[in-house]
């Protein structure tokens, strides 16, 4: 290693550059470096896009059908049916939220309640049809007439169910009550779960 630079300045030992003119005094060997490996973060599991609550959503259909079946079977008990229809919408939203992990807003809660109400109405219509077919049997009519003598409400129901407009009126009322109460239950659950 030279002791003097070409400009005449005396160099300190192991000098890389001249302190006077800045000329390089030796070739710098750059050690071969391995480029750092960038750590790639594992992909974050994206939350699946919210599927709209309608009859094209298989999860929503299964949950609504289960809640509707329970409500329809429990609504055979007098005076409990109104609570069952309200509860069916509430529990349909609650179970759907648990099963999918998706938040349900008020509009979706109403829609889920409506689906549950329509399915409840369909199940109750099938049960009512079976009951009306049973009324065609003369033995069943005798049993109902015996009971209707003790209960005047039963006589009125039997009379209503023997006319076409009476059946249509009952079906219309059943549709309105089941859907509206289920929608109210779905909205209630969506509102309560939104707060928590």
C-alpha atoms as a PDB file:
ATOM      1  CA  UNK A   1       0.000   0.000   0.000  1.00  0.00           C
ATOM      2  CA  UNK A   2       1.454   3.368  -0.968  1.00  0.00           C
ATOM      3  CA  UNK A   3       2.486   5.844   1.701  1.00  0.00           C
ATOM      4  CA  UNK A   4       1.998   8.899  -0.538  1.00  0.00           C
ATOM      5  CA  UNK A   5      -0.854   9.847  -2.905  1.00  0.00           C
ATOM      6  CA  UNK A   6      -0.178  11.010  -6.474  1.00  0.00           C
ATOM      7  CA  UNK A   7      -0.964  14.538  -5.254  1.00  0.00           C
ATOM      8  CA  UNK A   8       1.972  14.281  -2.823  1.00  0.00           C
ATOM      9  CA  UNK A   9      -0.030  13.983   0.401  1.00  0.00           C
ATOM     10  CA  UNK A  10       1.186  11.477   2.969  1.00  0.00           C
ATOM     11  CA  UNK A  11      -1.442   8.776   3.550  1.00  0.00           C
ATOM     12  CA  UNK A  12      -2.265   7.218   6.918  1.00  0.00           C
ATOM     13  CA  UNK A  13      -1.935   3.445   7.125  1.00  0.00           C
ATOM     14  CA  UNK A  14      -4.811   1.463   5.517  1.00  0.00           C
ATOM     15  CA  UNK A  15      -6.302   4.618   3.959  1.00  0.00           C
ATOM     16  CA  UNK A  16      -8.966   3.975   1.349  1.00  0.00           C
ATOM     17  CA  UNK A  17      -9.007   7.546  -0.001  1.00  0.00           C
ATOM     18  CA  UNK A  18      -6.642  10.472  -0.045  1.00  0.00           C
ATOM     19  CA  UNK A  19      -7.646  12.971   2.615  1.00  0.00           C
ATOM     20  CA  UNK A  20      -6.475  15.845   0.388  1.00  0.00           C
ATOM     21  CA  UNK A  21      -7.726  15.069  -3.136  1.00  0.00           C
ATOM     22  CA  UNK A  22     -10.196  12.213  -2.433  1.00  0.00           C
ATOM     23  CA  UNK A  23      -8.605   9.774  -4.901  1.00  0.00           C
ATOM     24  CA  UNK A  24      -9.204   6.086  -4.173  1.00  0.00           C
ATOM     25  CA  UNK A  25      -6.053   4.383  -2.993  1.00  0.00           C
ATOM     26  CA  UNK A  26      -7.095   0.772  -3.535  1.00  0.00           C
ATOM     27  CA  UNK A  27      -9.913  -1.230  -5.055  1.00  0.00           C
ATOM     28  CA  UNK A  28     -12.683  -1.929  -2.611  1.00  0.00           C
ATOM     29  CA  UNK A  29     -13.801  -5.482  -2.716  1.00  0.00           C
ATOM     30  CA  UNK A  30     -17.469  -5.654  -1.931  1.00  0.00           C
ATOM     31  CA  UNK A  31     -18.345  -8.913  -0.310  1.00  0.00           C
ATOM     32  CA  UNK A  32     -21.040 -10.785  -2.073  1.00  0.00           C
ATOM     33  CA  UNK A  33     -24.212 -10.266  -0.116  1.00  0.00           C
ATOM     34  CA  UNK A  34     -27.246 -12.421  -0.157  1.00  0.00           C
ATOM     35  CA  UNK A  35     -30.309 -10.307  -0.639  1.00  0.00           C
ATOM     36  CA  UNK A  36     -32.520 -10.461   2.410  1.00  0.00           C
ATOM     37  CA  UNK A  37     -35.491 -12.714   2.030  1.00  0.00           C
ATOM     38  CA  UNK A  38     -38.644 -10.750   2.463  1.00  0.00           C
ATOM     39  CA  UNK A  39     -40.972 -12.472   4.804  1.00  0.00           C
ATOM     40  CA  UNK A  40     -44.297 -12.817   3.176  1.00  0.00           C
ATOM     41  CA  UNK A  41     -47.108 -12.519   5.623  1.00  0.00           C
ATOM     42  CA  UNK A  42     -49.584 -15.351   5.381  1.00  0.00           C
ATOM     43  CA  UNK A  43     -52.652 -14.267   3.502  1.00  0.00           C
ATOM     44  CA  UNK A  44     -55.316 -12.915   5.756  1.00  0.00           C
ATOM     45  CA  UNK A  45     -58.446 -14.918   5.385  1.00  0.00           C
ATOM     46  CA  UNK A  46     -60.823 -12.480   3.840  1.00  0.00           C
ATOM     47  CA  UNK A  47     -64.281 -12.514   5.232  1.00  0.00           C
ATOM     48  CA  UNK A  48     -66.575 -13.897   2.616  1.00  0.00           C
ATOM     49  CA  UNK A  49     -68.825 -11.352   1.023  1.00  0.00           C
ATOM     50  CA  UNK A  50     -72.200 -11.182   2.662  1.00  0.00           C
ATOM     51  CA  UNK A  51     -74.677 -13.268   0.729  1.00  0.00           C
ATOM     52  CA  UNK A  52     -78.023 -11.512   0.418  1.00  0.00           C
ATOM     53  CA  UNK A  53     -80.803 -12.962   2.515  1.00  0.00           C
ATOM     54  CA  UNK A  54     -83.306 -14.312   0.040  1.00  0.00           C
ATOM     55  CA  UNK A  55     -84.592 -17.628  -1.257  1.00  0.00           C
ATOM     56  CA  UNK A  56     -81.372 -18.084  -3.296  1.00  0.00           C
ATOM     57  CA  UNK A  57     -79.280 -18.352  -0.108  1.00  0.00           C
ATOM     58  CA  UNK A  58     -79.174 -22.037   0.948  1.00  0.00           C
ATOM     59  CA  UNK A  59     -77.980 -21.260   4.494  1.00  0.00           C
ATOM     60  CA  UNK A  60     -80.838 -18.821   5.001  1.00  0.00           C
ATOM     61  CA  UNK A  61     -83.363 -21.311   3.640  1.00  0.00           C
ATOM     62  CA  UNK A  62     -82.203 -24.078   6.000  1.00  0.00           C
ATOM     63  CA  UNK A  63     -82.285 -21.828   9.045  1.00  0.00           C
ATOM     64  CA  UNK A  64     -85.643 -20.283   8.133  1.00  0.00           C
ATOM     65  CA  UNK A  65     -87.169 -23.687   7.429  1.00  0.00           C
ATOM     66  CA  UNK A  66     -86.047 -25.047  10.796  1.00  0.00           C
ATOM     67  CA  UNK A  67     -87.439 -22.050  12.661  1.00  0.00           C
ATOM     68  CA  UNK A  68     -90.658 -22.186  10.614  1.00  0.00           C
ATOM     69  CA  UNK A  69     -91.188 -25.897  11.291  1.00  0.00           C
ATOM     70  CA  UNK A  70     -90.749 -25.393  15.027  1.00  0.00           C
ATOM     71  CA  UNK A  71     -93.097 -22.392  15.008  1.00  0.00           C
ATOM     72  CA  UNK A  72     -95.729 -24.214  12.962  1.00  0.00           C
ATOM     73  CA  UNK A  73     -95.745 -27.226  15.258  1.00  0.00           C
ATOM     74  CA  UNK A  74     -95.867 -25.096  18.409  1.00  0.00           C
ATOM     75  CA  UNK A  75     -98.541 -22.798  16.995  1.00  0.00           C
ATOM     76  CA  UNK A  76    -101.078 -25.604  17.269  1.00  0.00           C
ATOM     77  CA  UNK A  77    -101.176 -24.775  20.976  1.00  0.00           C
ATOM     78  CA  UNK A  78    -103.804 -22.048  21.482  1.00  0.00           C
ATOM     79  CA  UNK A  79    -102.625 -18.579  22.573  1.00  0.00           C
ATOM     80  CA  UNK A  80     -98.984 -19.588  22.087  1.00  0.00           C
ATOM     81  CA  UNK A  81     -99.045 -19.194  18.309  1.00  0.00           C
ATOM     82  CA  UNK A  82     -98.539 -15.409  18.342  1.00  0.00           C
ATOM     83  CA  UNK A  83     -95.448 -15.762  20.508  1.00  0.00           C
ATOM     84  CA  UNK A  84     -94.204 -18.650  18.347  1.00  0.00           C
ATOM     85  CA  UNK A  85     -94.460 -16.612  15.158  1.00  0.00           C
ATOM     86  CA  UNK A  86     -92.613 -13.693  16.746  1.00  0.00           C
ATOM     87  CA  UNK A  87     -89.971 -16.029  18.175  1.00  0.00           C
ATOM     88  CA  UNK A  88     -89.502 -17.829  14.853  1.00  0.00           C
ATOM     89  CA  UNK A  89     -88.247 -14.654  13.171  1.00  0.00           C
ATOM     90  CA  UNK A  90     -86.077 -13.799  16.164  1.00  0.00           C
ATOM     91  CA  UNK A  91     -84.424 -17.215  16.356  1.00  0.00           C
ATOM     92  CA  UNK A  92     -84.039 -17.494  12.573  1.00  0.00           C
ATOM     93  CA  UNK A  93     -81.892 -14.340  12.571  1.00  0.00           C
ATOM     94  CA  UNK A  94     -80.012 -15.452  15.673  1.00  0.00           C
ATOM     95  CA  UNK A  95     -79.221 -18.916  14.276  1.00  0.00           C
ATOM     96  CA  UNK A  96     -78.279 -17.505  10.866  1.00  0.00           C
ATOM     97  CA  UNK A  97     -75.890 -15.054  12.512  1.00  0.00           C
ATOM     98  CA  UNK A  98     -74.271 -17.828  14.568  1.00  0.00           C
ATOM     99  CA  UNK A  99     -74.007 -20.217  11.661  1.00  0.00           C
ATOM    100  CA  UNK A 100     -72.507 -17.773   9.154  1.00  0.00           C
ATOM    101  CA  UNK A 101     -70.756 -15.300  11.450  1.00  0.00           C
ATOM    102  CA  UNK A 102     -72.189 -12.418   9.437  1.00  0.00           C
ATOM    103  CA  UNK A 103     -73.690  -9.362  11.034  1.00  0.00           C
ATOM    104  CA  UNK A 104     -77.350  -8.885  10.204  1.00  0.00           C
ATOM    105  CA  UNK A 105     -78.707  -5.360   9.842  1.00  0.00           C
ATOM    106  CA  UNK A 106     -82.347  -4.352  10.298  1.00  0.00           C
ATOM    107  CA  UNK A 107     -83.257  -4.779   6.627  1.00  0.00           C
ATOM    108  CA  UNK A 108     -81.728  -8.250   6.489  1.00  0.00           C
ATOM    109  CA  UNK A 109     -83.405  -9.153   9.776  1.00  0.00           C
ATOM    110  CA  UNK A 110     -86.787  -8.166   8.367  1.00  0.00           C
ATOM    111  CA  UNK A 111     -86.071 -10.137   5.198  1.00  0.00           C
ATOM    112  CA  UNK A 112     -85.032 -13.235   7.173  1.00  0.00           C
ATOM    113  CA  UNK A 113     -88.159 -12.902   9.312  1.00  0.00           C
ATOM    114  CA  UNK A 114     -90.272 -12.597   6.167  1.00  0.00           C
ATOM    115  CA  UNK A 115     -88.760 -15.783   4.739  1.00  0.00           C
ATOM    116  CA  UNK A 116     -89.479 -17.570   8.011  1.00  0.00           C
ATOM    117  CA  UNK A 117     -93.040 -16.237   8.078  1.00  0.00           C
ATOM    118  CA  UNK A 118     -93.725 -17.385   4.504  1.00  0.00           C
ATOM    119  CA  UNK A 119     -92.402 -20.856   5.297  1.00  0.00           C
ATOM    120  CA  UNK A 120     -94.438 -20.990   8.517  1.00  0.00           C
ATOM    121  CA  UNK A 121     -97.537 -20.030   6.530  1.00  0.00           C
ATOM    122  CA  UNK A 122     -96.815 -22.761   3.966  1.00  0.00           C
ATOM    123  CA  UNK A 123     -96.436 -25.426   6.659  1.00  0.00           C
ATOM    124  CA  UNK A 124     -99.593 -24.264   8.450  1.00  0.00           C
ATOM    125  CA  UNK A 125    -101.495 -24.271   5.148  1.00  0.00           C
ATOM    126  CA  UNK A 126    -100.518 -27.907   4.603  1.00  0.00           C
ATOM    127  CA  UNK A 127    -101.641 -28.781   8.145  1.00  0.00           C
ATOM    128  CA  UNK A 128    -104.906 -26.874   7.630  1.00  0.00           C
ATOM    129  CA  UNK A 129    -105.514 -28.709   4.358  1.00  0.00           C
ATOM    130  CA  UNK A 130    -105.025 -32.042   6.096  1.00  0.00           C
ATOM    131  CA  UNK A 131    -107.477 -30.920   8.791  1.00  0.00           C
ATOM    132  CA  UNK A 132    -110.037 -29.847   6.148  1.00  0.00           C
ATOM    133  CA  UNK A 133    -109.697 -33.199   4.419  1.00  0.00           C
ATOM    134  CA  UNK A 134    -110.296 -34.886   7.754  1.00  0.00           C
ATOM    135  CA  UNK A 135    -113.495 -32.865   8.077  1.00  0.00           C
ATOM    136  CA  UNK A 136    -114.850 -34.716   5.060  1.00  0.00           C
ATOM    137  CA  UNK A 137    -115.053 -37.878   7.178  1.00  0.00           C
ATOM    138  CA  UNK A 138    -118.515 -38.204   8.806  1.00  0.00           C
ATOM    139  CA  UNK A 139    -117.072 -39.661  12.020  1.00  0.00           C
ATOM    140  CA  UNK A 140    -114.797 -36.643  12.487  1.00  0.00           C
ATOM    141  CA  UNK A 141    -117.768 -34.338  11.911  1.00  0.00           C
ATOM    142  CA  UNK A 142    -119.703 -36.119  14.671  1.00  0.00           C
ATOM    143  CA  UNK A 143    -116.792 -35.727  17.100  1.00  0.00           C
ATOM    144  CA  UNK A 144    -116.479 -32.030  16.278  1.00  0.00           C
ATOM    145  CA  UNK A 145    -120.237 -31.501  16.650  1.00  0.00           C
ATOM    146  CA  UNK A 146    -120.148 -33.147  20.086  1.00  0.00           C
ATOM    147  CA  UNK A 147    -117.270 -30.886  21.143  1.00  0.00           C
ATOM    148  CA  UNK A 148    -118.845 -27.807  19.603  1.00  0.00           C
ATOM    149  CA  UNK A 149    -121.912 -28.217  21.805  1.00  0.00           C
ATOM    150  CA  UNK A 150    -119.673 -27.706  24.845  1.00  0.00           C
ATOM    151  CA  UNK A 151    -117.536 -24.950  23.271  1.00  0.00           C
ATOM    152  CA  UNK A 152    -119.304 -22.243  21.236  1.00  0.00           C
ATOM    153  CA  UNK A 153    -115.977 -21.098  19.713  1.00  0.00           C
ATOM    154  CA  UNK A 154    -115.464 -24.522  18.194  1.00  0.00           C
ATOM    155  CA  UNK A 155    -118.897 -24.355  16.594  1.00  0.00           C
ATOM    156  CA  UNK A 156    -118.000 -21.010  15.000  1.00  0.00           C
ATOM    157  CA  UNK A 157    -114.690 -22.378  13.684  1.00  0.00           C
ATOM    158  CA  UNK A 158    -116.422 -25.439  12.251  1.00  0.00           C
ATOM    159  CA  UNK A 159    -118.998 -23.245  10.526  1.00  0.00           C
ATOM    160  CA  UNK A 160    -116.303 -20.965   9.081  1.00  0.00           C
ATOM    161  CA  UNK A 161    -114.270 -23.876   7.742  1.00  0.00           C
ATOM    162  CA  UNK A 162    -117.211 -25.222   5.760  1.00  0.00           C
ATOM    163  CA  UNK A 163    -117.455 -22.175   3.483  1.00  0.00           C
ATOM    164  CA  UNK A 164    -115.038 -21.093   0.741  1.00  0.00           C
ATOM    165  CA  UNK A 165    -114.920 -17.406   1.754  1.00  0.00           C
ATOM    166  CA  UNK A 166    -114.373 -18.441   5.383  1.00  0.00           C
ATOM    167  CA  UNK A 167    -111.358 -20.544   4.436  1.00  0.00           C
ATOM    168  CA  UNK A 168    -109.970 -17.737   2.259  1.00  0.00           C
ATOM    169  CA  UNK A 169    -110.408 -15.286   5.129  1.00  0.00           C
ATOM    170  CA  UNK A 170    -108.627 -17.615   7.548  1.00  0.00           C
ATOM    171  CA  UNK A 171    -105.741 -18.129   5.096  1.00  0.00           C
ATOM    172  CA  UNK A 172    -105.373 -14.387   4.493  1.00  0.00           C
ATOM    173  CA  UNK A 173    -105.327 -13.654   8.216  1.00  0.00           C
ATOM    174  CA  UNK A 174    -102.882 -16.487   8.784  1.00  0.00           C
ATOM    175  CA  UNK A 175    -100.532 -15.151   6.092  1.00  0.00           C
ATOM    176  CA  UNK A 176    -100.635 -11.592   7.423  1.00  0.00           C
ATOM    177  CA  UNK A 177    -100.064 -12.562  11.047  1.00  0.00           C
ATOM    178  CA  UNK A 178     -97.328 -15.139  10.440  1.00  0.00           C
ATOM    179  CA  UNK A 179     -95.304 -12.923   8.115  1.00  0.00           C
ATOM    180  CA  UNK A 180     -95.703  -9.669  10.053  1.00  0.00           C
ATOM    181  CA  UNK A 181     -94.905 -11.210  13.425  1.00  0.00           C
ATOM    182  CA  UNK A 182     -91.933 -13.129  12.029  1.00  0.00           C
ATOM    183  CA  UNK A 183     -90.645  -9.951  10.375  1.00  0.00           C
ATOM    184  CA  UNK A 184     -90.983  -8.104  13.676  1.00  0.00           C
ATOM    185  CA  UNK A 185     -89.074 -10.876  15.460  1.00  0.00           C
ATOM    186  CA  UNK A 186     -86.298 -10.785  12.857  1.00  0.00           C
ATOM    187  CA  UNK A 187     -86.004  -6.996  13.126  1.00  0.00           C
ATOM    188  CA  UNK A 188     -85.936  -7.207  16.920  1.00  0.00           C
ATOM    189  CA  UNK A 189     -83.095  -9.738  16.888  1.00  0.00           C
ATOM    190  CA  UNK A 190     -81.114  -7.706  14.335  1.00  0.00           C
ATOM    191  CA  UNK A 191     -81.493  -4.584  16.451  1.00  0.00           C
ATOM    192  CA  UNK A 192     -80.549  -6.265  19.718  1.00  0.00           C
ATOM    193  CA  UNK A 193     -77.520  -8.052  18.259  1.00  0.00           C
ATOM    194  CA  UNK A 194     -76.390  -4.844  16.530  1.00  0.00           C
ATOM    195  CA  UNK A 195     -76.044  -3.123  19.901  1.00  0.00           C
ATOM    196  CA  UNK A 196     -73.906  -5.895  21.389  1.00  0.00           C
END
